[in-house]
Amino acid sequence: ESTTADERLPHVEDPERLDAVVAEFDGQGPTDEDIVG
């Protein structure tokens, strides 16, 4: 069964690490360009 409702996403308490993952996946979009990184 799905457990995604209970499993916390990774790095979400560390914005800098999270934003490094965004860059790793070439994931920057315009919506949050002013926030991410």
Full PDB file with SEQRES, HELIX, SHEET, SSBOND, CRYST1, ORIGX, SCALE, CONECT and MASTER records, all heavy atoms in Angstrom:
SEQRES   1 A   37  GLU SER THR THR ALA ASP GLU ARG LEU PRO HIS VAL GLU          
SEQRES   2 A   37  ASP PRO GLU ARG LEU ASP ALA VAL VAL ALA GLU PHE ASP          
SEQRES   3 A   37  GLY GLN GLY PRO THR ASP GLU ASP ILE VAL GLY                  
HELIX    1 AA1 PRO A   15  GLU A   24  1                                  10    
CRYST1    1.000    1.000    1.000  90.00  90.00  90.00 P 1           1          
ORIGX1      1.000000  0.000000  0.000000        0.00000                         
ORIGX2      0.000000  1.000000  0.000000        0.00000                         
ORIGX3      0.000000  0.000000  1.000000        0.00000                         
SCALE1      1.000000  0.000000  0.000000        0.00000                         
SCALE2      0.000000  1.000000  0.000000        0.00000                         
SCALE3      0.000000  0.000000  1.000000        0.00000                         
ATOM      1  N   GLU A   1       0.818  -1.199   0.000  1.00  0.00           N  
ATOM      2  CA  GLU A   1       0.000   0.000   0.000  1.00  0.00           C  
ATOM      3  C   GLU A   1       0.860   1.260   0.000  1.00  0.00           C  
ATOM      4  O   GLU A   1       2.043   1.239   0.374  1.00  0.00           O  
ATOM      5  CB  GLU A   1      -0.924   0.009   1.225  1.00  0.00           C  
ATOM      6  CG  GLU A   1      -1.945  -1.118   1.226  1.00  0.00           C  
ATOM      7  CD  GLU A   1      -2.896  -1.021   2.397  1.00  0.00           C  
ATOM      8  OE1 GLU A   1      -2.683  -0.147   3.276  1.00  0.00           O  
ATOM      9  OE2 GLU A   1      -3.856  -1.823   2.442  1.00  0.00           O  
ATOM     10  N   SER A   2       0.265   2.367  -0.396  1.00  0.00           N  
ATOM     11  CA  SER A   2       0.966   3.651  -0.399  1.00  0.00           C  
ATOM     12  C   SER A   2       1.239   4.110   1.030  1.00  0.00           C  
ATOM     13  O   SER A   2       0.375   4.013   1.908  1.00  0.00           O  
ATOM     14  CB  SER A   2       0.126   4.716  -1.104  1.00  0.00           C  
ATOM     15  OG  SER A   2       0.768   5.970  -1.055  1.00  0.00           O  
ATOM     16  N   THR A   3       2.455   4.616   1.239  1.00  0.00           N  
ATOM     17  CA  THR A   3       2.820   5.168   2.555  1.00  0.00           C  
ATOM     18  C   THR A   3       3.244   6.633   2.452  1.00  0.00           C  
ATOM     19  O   THR A   3       3.770   7.194   3.420  1.00  0.00           O  
ATOM     20  CB  THR A   3       3.959   4.354   3.193  1.00  0.00           C  
ATOM     21  OG1 THR A   3       5.122   4.402   2.337  1.00  0.00           O  
ATOM     22  CG2 THR A   3       3.550   2.912   3.416  1.00  0.00           C  
ATOM     23  N   THR A   4       3.014   7.256   1.292  1.00  0.00           N  
ATOM     24  CA  THR A   4       3.532   8.610   1.079  1.00  0.00           C  
ATOM     25  C   THR A   4       2.872   9.653   1.963  1.00  0.00           C  
ATOM     26  O   THR A   4       3.439  10.739   2.173  1.00  0.00           O  
ATOM     27  CB  THR A   4       3.387   9.032  -0.393  1.00  0.00           C  
ATOM     28  OG1 THR A   4       2.002   8.920  -0.790  1.00  0.00           O  
ATOM     29  CG2 THR A   4       4.247   8.162  -1.289  1.00  0.00           C  
ATOM     30  N   ALA A   5       1.694   9.365   2.486  1.00  0.00           N  
ATOM     31  CA  ALA A   5       1.031  10.336   3.362  1.00  0.00           C  
ATOM     32  C   ALA A   5       1.715  10.423   4.731  1.00  0.00           C  
ATOM     33  O   ALA A   5       1.533  11.416   5.447  1.00  0.00           O  
ATOM     34  CB  ALA A   5      -0.435   9.964   3.548  1.00  0.00           C  
ATOM     35  N   ASP A   6       2.508   9.413   5.058  1.00  0.00           N  
ATOM     36  CA  ASP A   6       3.135   9.362   6.380  1.00  0.00           C  
ATOM     37  C   ASP A   6       4.656   9.486   6.340  1.00  0.00           C  
ATOM     38  O   ASP A   6       5.273   9.705   7.382  1.00  0.00           O  
ATOM     39  CB  ASP A   6       2.769   8.038   7.069  1.00  0.00           C  
ATOM     40  CG  ASP A   6       1.275   7.865   7.212  1.00  0.00           C  
ATOM     41  OD1 ASP A   6       0.610   8.802   7.683  1.00  0.00           O  
ATOM     42  OD2 ASP A   6       0.763   6.795   6.816  1.00  0.00           O  
ATOM     43  N   GLU A   7       5.243   9.330   5.170  1.00  0.00           N  
ATOM     44  CA  GLU A   7       6.702   9.362   5.035  1.00  0.00           C  
ATOM     45  C   GLU A   7       7.144  10.785   4.668  1.00  0.00           C  
ATOM     46  O   GLU A   7       6.819  11.289   3.603  1.00  0.00           O  
ATOM     47  CB  GLU A   7       7.159   8.384   3.943  1.00  0.00           C  
ATOM     48  CG  GLU A   7       6.822   6.933   4.233  1.00  0.00           C  
ATOM     49  CD  GLU A   7       7.917   6.256   5.040  1.00  0.00           C  
ATOM     50  OE1 GLU A   7       8.939   6.908   5.331  1.00  0.00           O  
ATOM     51  OE2 GLU A   7       7.738   5.070   5.368  1.00  0.00           O  
ATOM     52  N   ARG A   8       7.899  11.399   5.550  1.00  0.00           N  
ATOM     53  CA  ARG A   8       8.349  12.773   5.313  1.00  0.00           C  
ATOM     54  C   ARG A   8       9.315  12.823   4.127  1.00  0.00           C  
ATOM     55  O   ARG A   8      10.171  11.949   3.967  1.00  0.00           O  
ATOM     56  CB  ARG A   8       9.031  13.311   6.575  1.00  0.00           C  
ATOM     57  CG  ARG A   8       9.179  14.818   6.604  1.00  0.00           C  
ATOM     58  CD  ARG A   8       9.488  15.270   8.025  1.00  0.00           C  
ATOM     59  NE  ARG A   8       9.682  16.700   8.113  1.00  0.00           N  
ATOM     60  CZ  ARG A   8       8.697  17.590   8.194  1.00  0.00           C  
ATOM     61  NH1 ARG A   8       7.455  17.171   8.185  1.00  0.00           N  
ATOM     62  NH2 ARG A   8       8.950  18.876   8.296  1.00  0.00           N  
ATOM     63  N   LEU A   9       9.180  13.843   3.296  1.00  0.00           N  
ATOM     64  CA  LEU A   9      10.094  14.019   2.174  1.00  0.00           C  
ATOM     65  C   LEU A   9      11.500  14.352   2.673  1.00  0.00           C  
ATOM     66  O   LEU A   9      11.659  14.947   3.749  1.00  0.00           O  
ATOM     67  CB  LEU A   9       9.585  15.142   1.264  1.00  0.00           C  
ATOM     68  CG  LEU A   9       8.385  14.774   0.383  1.00  0.00           C  
ATOM     69  CD1 LEU A   9       7.679  16.032  -0.110  1.00  0.00           C  
ATOM     70  CD2 LEU A   9       8.822  13.911  -0.790  1.00  0.00           C  
ATOM     71  N   PRO A  10      12.535  14.004   1.910  1.00  0.00           N  
ATOM     72  CA  PRO A  10      13.907  14.217   2.376  1.00  0.00           C  
ATOM     73  C   PRO A  10      14.346  15.672   2.261  1.00  0.00           C  
ATOM     74  O   PRO A  10      13.863  16.421   1.405  1.00  0.00           O  
ATOM     75  CB  PRO A  10      14.732  13.332   1.424  1.00  0.00           C  
ATOM     76  CG  PRO A  10      13.948  13.315   0.163  1.00  0.00           C  
ATOM     77  CD  PRO A  10      12.505  13.324   0.600  1.00  0.00           C  
ATOM     78  N   HIS A  11      15.250  16.062   3.139  1.00  0.00           N  
ATOM     79  CA  HIS A  11      15.939  17.362   3.102  1.00  0.00           C  
ATOM     80  C   HIS A  11      15.024  18.560   3.367  1.00  0.00           C  
ATOM     81  O   HIS A  11      15.468  19.700   3.234  1.00  0.00           O  
ATOM     82  CB  HIS A  11      16.650  17.576   1.754  1.00  0.00           C  
ATOM     83  CG  HIS A  11      17.428  16.393   1.274  1.00  0.00           C  
ATOM     84  ND1 HIS A  11      18.373  15.770   2.042  1.00  0.00           N  
ATOM     85  CD2 HIS A  11      17.382  15.712   0.093  1.00  0.00           C  
ATOM     86  CE1 HIS A  11      18.901  14.757   1.354  1.00  0.00           C  
ATOM     87  NE2 HIS A  11      18.305  14.692   0.186  1.00  0.00           N  
ATOM     88  N   VAL A  12      13.773  18.331   3.744  1.00  0.00           N  
ATOM     89  CA  VAL A  12      12.829  19.447   3.801  1.00  0.00           C  
ATOM     90  C   VAL A  12      13.016  20.323   5.035  1.00  0.00           C  
ATOM     91  O   VAL A  12      12.370  21.370   5.153  1.00  0.00           O  
ATOM     92  CB  VAL A  12      11.363  18.963   3.706  1.00  0.00           C  
ATOM     93  CG1 VAL A  12      11.096  18.369   2.337  1.00  0.00           C  
ATOM     94  CG2 VAL A  12      11.019  17.967   4.809  1.00  0.00           C  
ATOM     95  N   GLU A  13      13.894  19.919   5.948  1.00  0.00           N  
ATOM     96  CA  GLU A  13      14.236  20.788   7.074  1.00  0.00           C  
ATOM     97  C   GLU A  13      15.536  21.542   6.816  1.00  0.00           C  
ATOM     98  O   GLU A  13      16.006  22.294   7.677  1.00  0.00           O  
ATOM     99  CB  GLU A  13      14.356  19.958   8.360  1.00  0.00           C  
ATOM    100  CG  GLU A  13      13.073  19.230   8.742  1.00  0.00           C  
ATOM    101  CD  GLU A  13      11.864  20.143   8.786  1.00  0.00           C  
ATOM    102  OE1 GLU A  13      11.996  21.304   9.260  1.00  0.00           O  
ATOM    103  OE2 GLU A  13      10.783  19.717   8.334  1.00  0.00           O  
ATOM    104  N   ASP A  14      16.104  21.352   5.627  1.00  0.00           N  
ATOM    105  CA  ASP A  14      17.379  21.977   5.276  1.00  0.00           C  
ATOM    106  C   ASP A  14      17.229  22.617   3.900  1.00  0.00           C  
ATOM    107  O   ASP A  14      17.565  21.999   2.883  1.00  0.00           O  
ATOM    108  CB  ASP A  14      18.493  20.925   5.279  1.00  0.00           C  
ATOM    109  CG  ASP A  14      19.867  21.525   5.001  1.00  0.00           C  
ATOM    110  OD1 ASP A  14      19.944  22.724   4.672  1.00  0.00           O  
ATOM    111  OD2 ASP A  14      20.860  20.770   5.094  1.00  0.00           O  
ATOM    112  N   PRO A  15      16.724  23.852   3.833  1.00  0.00           N  
ATOM    113  CA  PRO A  15      16.465  24.480   2.532  1.00  0.00           C  
ATOM    114  C   PRO A  15      17.676  24.531   1.613  1.00  0.00           C  
ATOM    115  O   PRO A  15      17.536  24.362   0.386  1.00  0.00           O  
ATOM    116  CB  PRO A  15      15.980  25.884   2.905  1.00  0.00           C  
ATOM    117  CG  PRO A  15      15.394  25.731   4.270  1.00  0.00           C  
ATOM    118  CD  PRO A  15      16.244  24.705   4.941  1.00  0.00           C  
ATOM    119  N   GLU A  16      18.859  24.743   2.162  1.00  0.00           N  
ATOM    120  CA  GLU A  16      20.053  24.799   1.308  1.00  0.00           C  
ATOM    121  C   GLU A  16      20.318  23.452   0.644  1.00  0.00           C  
ATOM    122  O   GLU A  16      20.634  23.388  -0.553  1.00  0.00           O  
ATOM    123  CB  GLU A  16      21.268  25.244   2.122  1.00  0.00           C  
ATOM    124  CG  GLU A  16      21.238  26.714   2.518  1.00  0.00           C  
ATOM    125  CD  GLU A  16      22.554  27.154   3.145  1.00  0.00           C  
ATOM    126  OE1 GLU A  16      23.518  26.348   3.141  1.00  0.00           O  
ATOM    127  OE2 GLU A  16      22.615  28.294   3.645  1.00  0.00           O  
ATOM    128  N   ARG A  17      20.192  22.381   1.409  1.00  0.00           N  
ATOM    129  CA  ARG A  17      20.379  21.046   0.831  1.00  0.00           C  
ATOM    130  C   ARG A  17      19.275  20.745  -0.175  1.00  0.00           C  
ATOM    131  O   ARG A  17      19.529  20.170  -1.240  1.00  0.00           O  
ATOM    132  CB  ARG A  17      20.363  20.004   1.952  1.00  0.00           C  
ATOM    133  CG  ARG A  17      20.475  18.564   1.460  1.00  0.00           C  
ATOM    134  CD  ARG A  17      21.869  18.259   0.965  1.00  0.00           C  
ATOM    135  NE  ARG A  17      21.970  16.901   0.454  1.00  0.00           N  
ATOM    136  CZ  ARG A  17      21.796  16.549  -0.821  1.00  0.00           C  
ATOM    137  NH1 ARG A  17      21.519  17.482  -1.736  1.00  0.00           N  
ATOM    138  NH2 ARG A  17      21.896  15.289  -1.190  1.00  0.00           N  
ATOM    139  N   LEU A  18      18.078  21.143   0.144  1.00  0.00           N  
ATOM    140  CA  LEU A  18      16.955  20.937  -0.757  1.00  0.00           C  
ATOM    141  C   LEU A  18      17.171  21.676  -2.071  1.00  0.00           C  
ATOM    142  O   LEU A  18      16.932  21.137  -3.163  1.00  0.00           O  
ATOM    143  CB  LEU A  18      15.670  21.412  -0.074  1.00  0.00           C  
ATOM    144  CG  LEU A  18      14.332  21.079  -0.708  1.00  0.00           C  
ATOM    145  CD1 LEU A  18      14.170  19.588  -0.923  1.00  0.00           C  
ATOM    146  CD2 LEU A  18      13.203  21.615   0.161  1.00  0.00           C  
ATOM    147  N   ASP A  19      17.656  22.906  -1.990  1.00  0.00           N  
ATOM    148  CA  ASP A  19      17.881  23.688  -3.202  1.00  0.00           C  
ATOM    149  C   ASP A  19      19.041  23.133  -4.023  1.00  0.00           C  
ATOM    150  O   ASP A  19      19.063  23.256  -5.251  1.00  0.00           O  
ATOM    151  CB  ASP A  19      18.126  25.150  -2.844  1.00  0.00           C  
ATOM    152  CG  ASP A  19      16.865  25.823  -2.302  1.00  0.00           C  
ATOM    153  OD1 ASP A  19      15.794  25.193  -2.358  1.00  0.00           O  
ATOM    154  OD2 ASP A  19      16.959  26.962  -1.812  1.00  0.00           O  
ATOM    155  N   ALA A  20      19.994  22.486  -3.346  1.00  0.00           N  
ATOM    156  CA  ALA A  20      21.066  21.810  -4.079  1.00  0.00           C  
ATOM    157  C   ALA A  20      20.501  20.642  -4.892  1.00  0.00           C  
ATOM    158  O   ALA A  20      20.960  20.361  -6.008  1.00  0.00           O  
ATOM    159  CB  ALA A  20      22.143  21.319  -3.124  1.00  0.00           C  
ATOM    160  N   VAL A  21      19.489  19.971  -4.352  1.00  0.00           N  
ATOM    161  CA  VAL A  21      18.837  18.876  -5.070  1.00  0.00           C  
ATOM    162  C   VAL A  21      18.070  19.431  -6.271  1.00  0.00           C  
ATOM    163  O   VAL A  21      18.067  18.823  -7.353  1.00  0.00           O  
ATOM    164  CB  VAL A  21      17.901  18.091  -4.132  1.00  0.00           C  
ATOM    165  CG1 VAL A  21      17.117  17.042  -4.905  1.00  0.00           C  
ATOM    166  CG2 VAL A  21      18.695  17.429  -3.023  1.00  0.00           C  
ATOM    167  N   VAL A  22      17.428  20.576  -6.102  1.00  0.00           N  
ATOM    168  CA  VAL A  22      16.760  21.231  -7.239  1.00  0.00           C  
ATOM    169  C   VAL A  22      17.763  21.450  -8.369  1.00  0.00           C  
ATOM    170  O   VAL A  22      17.498  21.128  -9.535  1.00  0.00           O  
ATOM    171  CB  VAL A  22      16.131  22.571  -6.814  1.00  0.00           C  
ATOM    172  CG1 VAL A  22      15.606  23.327  -8.042  1.00  0.00           C  
ATOM    173  CG2 VAL A  22      14.995  22.350  -5.813  1.00  0.00           C  
ATOM    174  N   ALA A  23      18.920  21.988  -8.037  1.00  0.00           N  
ATOM    175  CA  ALA A  23      19.944  22.239  -9.052  1.00  0.00           C  
ATOM    176  C   ALA A  23      20.440  20.939  -9.670  1.00  0.00           C  
ATOM    177  O   ALA A  23      20.673  20.865 -10.886  1.00  0.00           O  
ATOM    178  CB  ALA A  23      21.109  23.010  -8.430  1.00  0.00           C  
ATOM    179  N   GLU A  24      20.592  19.921  -8.856  1.00  0.00           N  
ATOM    180  CA  GLU A  24      21.062  18.626  -9.351  1.00  0.00           C  
ATOM    181  C   GLU A  24      20.135  18.068 -10.417  1.00  0.00           C  
ATOM    182  O   GLU A  24      20.585  17.479 -11.411  1.00  0.00           O  
ATOM    183  CB  GLU A  24      21.161  17.659  -8.172  1.00  0.00           C  
ATOM    184  CG  GLU A  24      21.633  16.273  -8.548  1.00  0.00           C  
ATOM    185  CD  GLU A  24      21.630  15.332  -7.351  1.00  0.00           C  
ATOM    186  OE1 GLU A  24      21.405  15.792  -6.207  1.00  0.00           O  
ATOM    187  OE2 GLU A  24      21.853  14.120  -7.565  1.00  0.00           O  
ATOM    188  N   PHE A  25      18.833  18.248 -10.232  1.00  0.00           N  
ATOM    189  CA  PHE A  25      17.845  17.738 -11.180  1.00  0.00           C  
ATOM    190  C   PHE A  25      17.456  18.782 -12.232  1.00  0.00           C  
ATOM    191  O   PHE A  25      16.494  18.579 -12.969  1.00  0.00           O  
ATOM    192  CB  PHE A  25      16.584  17.270 -10.449  1.00  0.00           C  
ATOM    193  CG  PHE A  25      16.755  15.976  -9.710  1.00  0.00           C  
ATOM    194  CD1 PHE A  25      16.656  15.933  -8.330  1.00  0.00           C  
ATOM    195  CD2 PHE A  25      17.009  14.799 -10.393  1.00  0.00           C  
ATOM    196  CE1 PHE A  25      16.800  14.733  -7.639  1.00  0.00           C  
ATOM    197  CE2 PHE A  25      17.149  13.593  -9.715  1.00  0.00           C  
ATOM    198  CZ  PHE A  25      17.047  13.560  -8.334  1.00  0.00           C  
ATOM    199  N   ASP A  26      18.204  19.883 -12.308  1.00  0.00           N  
ATOM    200  CA  ASP A  26      17.900  20.966 -13.241  1.00  0.00           C  
ATOM    201  C   ASP A  26      16.429  21.360 -13.110  1.00  0.00           C  
ATOM    202  O   ASP A  26      15.705  21.490 -14.086  1.00  0.00           O  
ATOM    203  CB  ASP A  26      18.226  20.552 -14.680  1.00  0.00           C  
ATOM    204  CG  ASP A  26      18.188  21.726 -15.652  1.00  0.00           C  
ATOM    205  OD1 ASP A  26      18.296  22.880 -15.192  1.00  0.00           O  
ATOM    206  OD2 ASP A  26      18.041  21.485 -16.870  1.00  0.00           O  
ATOM    207  N   GLY A  27      16.021  21.552 -11.845  1.00  0.00           N  
ATOM    208  CA  GLY A  27      14.602  21.674 -11.565  1.00  0.00           C  
ATOM    209  C   GLY A  27      14.076  23.065 -11.310  1.00  0.00           C  
ATOM    210  O   GLY A  27      12.931  23.217 -10.883  1.00  0.00           O  
ATOM    211  N   GLN A  28      14.865  24.110 -11.533  1.00  0.00           N  
ATOM    212  CA  GLN A  28      14.398  25.450 -11.212  1.00  0.00           C  
ATOM    213  C   GLN A  28      13.320  25.920 -12.183  1.00  0.00           C  
ATOM    214  O   GLN A  28      13.520  25.933 -13.386  1.00  0.00           O  
ATOM    215  CB  GLN A  28      15.557  26.447 -11.247  1.00  0.00           C  
ATOM    216  CG  GLN A  28      15.147  27.870 -10.911  1.00  0.00           C  
ATOM    217  CD  GLN A  28      14.623  27.983  -9.486  1.00  0.00           C  
ATOM    218  OE1 GLN A  28      15.382  27.872  -8.545  1.00  0.00           O  
ATOM    219  NE2 GLN A  28      13.320  28.194  -9.336  1.00  0.00           N  
ATOM    220  N   GLY A  29      12.179  26.319 -11.642  1.00  0.00           N  
ATOM    221  CA  GLY A  29      11.107  26.888 -12.447  1.00  0.00           C  
ATOM    222  C   GLY A  29      10.874  28.329 -12.067  1.00  0.00           C  
ATOM    223  O   GLY A  29      11.362  28.805 -11.035  1.00  0.00           O  
ATOM    224  N   PRO A  30      10.110  29.067 -12.873  1.00  0.00           N  
ATOM    225  CA  PRO A  30       9.907  30.491 -12.602  1.00  0.00           C  
ATOM    226  C   PRO A  30       9.044  30.784 -11.386  1.00  0.00           C  
ATOM    227  O   PRO A  30       9.160  31.848 -10.794  1.00  0.00           O  
ATOM    228  CB  PRO A  30       9.245  31.007 -13.883  1.00  0.00           C  
ATOM    229  CG  PRO A  30       8.586  29.810 -14.487  1.00  0.00           C  
ATOM    230  CD  PRO A  30       9.479  28.654 -14.136  1.00  0.00           C  
ATOM    231  N   THR A  31       8.177  29.849 -10.985  1.00  0.00           N  
ATOM    232  CA  THR A  31       7.250  30.127  -9.894  1.00  0.00           C  
ATOM    233  C   THR A  31       7.965  30.570  -8.629  1.00  0.00           C  
ATOM    234  O   THR A  31       7.580  31.544  -7.977  1.00  0.00           O  
ATOM    235  CB  THR A  31       6.387  28.884  -9.580  1.00  0.00           C  
ATOM    236  OG1 THR A  31       5.642  28.530 -10.748  1.00  0.00           O  
ATOM    237  CG2 THR A  31       5.435  29.164  -8.434  1.00  0.00           C  
ATOM    238  N   ASP A  32       9.025  29.855  -8.267  1.00  0.00           N  
ATOM    239  CA  ASP A  32       9.705  30.092  -6.992  1.00  0.00           C  
ATOM    240  C   ASP A  32      11.150  30.521  -7.195  1.00  0.00           C  
ATOM    241  O   ASP A  32      12.007  30.317  -6.337  1.00  0.00           O  
ATOM    242  CB  ASP A  32       9.627  28.862  -6.103  1.00  0.00           C  
ATOM    243  CG  ASP A  32      10.005  27.590  -6.838  1.00  0.00           C  
ATOM    244  OD1 ASP A  32      10.732  27.656  -7.850  1.00  0.00           O  
ATOM    245  OD2 ASP A  32       9.577  26.500  -6.401  1.00  0.00           O  
ATOM    246  N   GLU A  33      11.429  31.149  -8.321  1.00  0.00           N  
ATOM    247  CA  GLU A  33      12.794  31.559  -8.657  1.00  0.00           C  
ATOM    248  C   GLU A  33      13.396  32.491  -7.617  1.00  0.00           C  
ATOM    249  O   GLU A  33      14.597  32.510  -7.390  1.00  0.00           O  
ATOM    250  CB  GLU A  33      12.772  32.228 -10.030  1.00  0.00           C  
ATOM    251  CG  GLU A  33      14.113  32.563 -10.633  1.00  0.00           C  
ATOM    252  CD  GLU A  33      13.940  33.148 -12.014  1.00  0.00           C  
ATOM    253  OE1 GLU A  33      13.312  32.489 -12.863  1.00  0.00           O  
ATOM    254  OE2 GLU A  33      14.430  34.268 -12.245  1.00  0.00           O  
ATOM    255  N   ASP A  34      12.552  33.286  -6.968  1.00  0.00           N  
ATOM    256  CA  ASP A  34      13.041  34.240  -5.975  1.00  0.00           C  
ATOM    257  C   ASP A  34      13.336  33.589  -4.628  1.00  0.00           C  
ATOM    258  O   ASP A  34      14.003  34.178  -3.778  1.00  0.00           O  
ATOM    259  CB  ASP A  34      12.011  35.357  -5.776  1.00  0.00           C  
ATOM    260  CG  ASP A  34      10.655  34.827  -5.334  1.00  0.00           C  
ATOM    261  OD1 ASP A  34      10.206  33.817  -5.915  1.00  0.00           O  
ATOM    262  OD2 ASP A  34      10.039  35.410  -4.427  1.00  0.00           O  
ATOM    263  N   ILE A  35      12.831  32.368  -4.416  1.00  0.00           N  
ATOM    264  CA  ILE A  35      12.968  31.681  -3.136  1.00  0.00           C  
ATOM    265  C   ILE A  35      14.051  30.614  -3.181  1.00  0.00           C  
ATOM    266  O   ILE A  35      14.906  30.537  -2.311  1.00  0.00           O  
ATOM    267  CB  ILE A  35      11.617  31.030  -2.726  1.00  0.00           C  
ATOM    268  CG1 ILE A  35      10.518  32.089  -2.608  1.00  0.00           C  
ATOM    269  CG2 ILE A  35      11.781  30.236  -1.445  1.00  0.00           C  
ATOM    270  CD1 ILE A  35      10.756  33.112  -1.519  1.00  0.00           C  
ATOM    271  N   VAL A  36      14.006  29.767  -4.195  1.00  0.00           N  
ATOM    272  CA  VAL A  36      14.897  28.616  -4.270  1.00  0.00           C  
ATOM    273  C   VAL A  36      16.319  29.076  -4.556  1.00  0.00           C  
ATOM    274  O   VAL A  36      16.591  29.769  -5.531  1.00  0.00           O  
ATOM    275  CB  VAL A  36      14.422  27.629  -5.355  1.00  0.00           C  
ATOM    276  CG1 VAL A  36      15.421  26.489  -5.526  1.00  0.00           C  
ATOM    277  CG2 VAL A  36      13.042  27.087  -4.998  1.00  0.00           C  
ATOM    278  N   GLY A  37      17.224  28.711  -3.667  1.00  0.00           N  
ATOM    279  CA  GLY A  37      18.619  29.110  -3.827  1.00  0.00           C  
ATOM    280  C   GLY A  37      18.926  30.526  -3.378  1.00  0.00           C  
ATOM    281  O   GLY A  37      20.075  30.954  -3.396  1.00  0.00           O  
TER     282      GLY A  37                                                      
MASTER        0    0    0    1    0    0    0    6  281    1    0    3          
END                                                                             
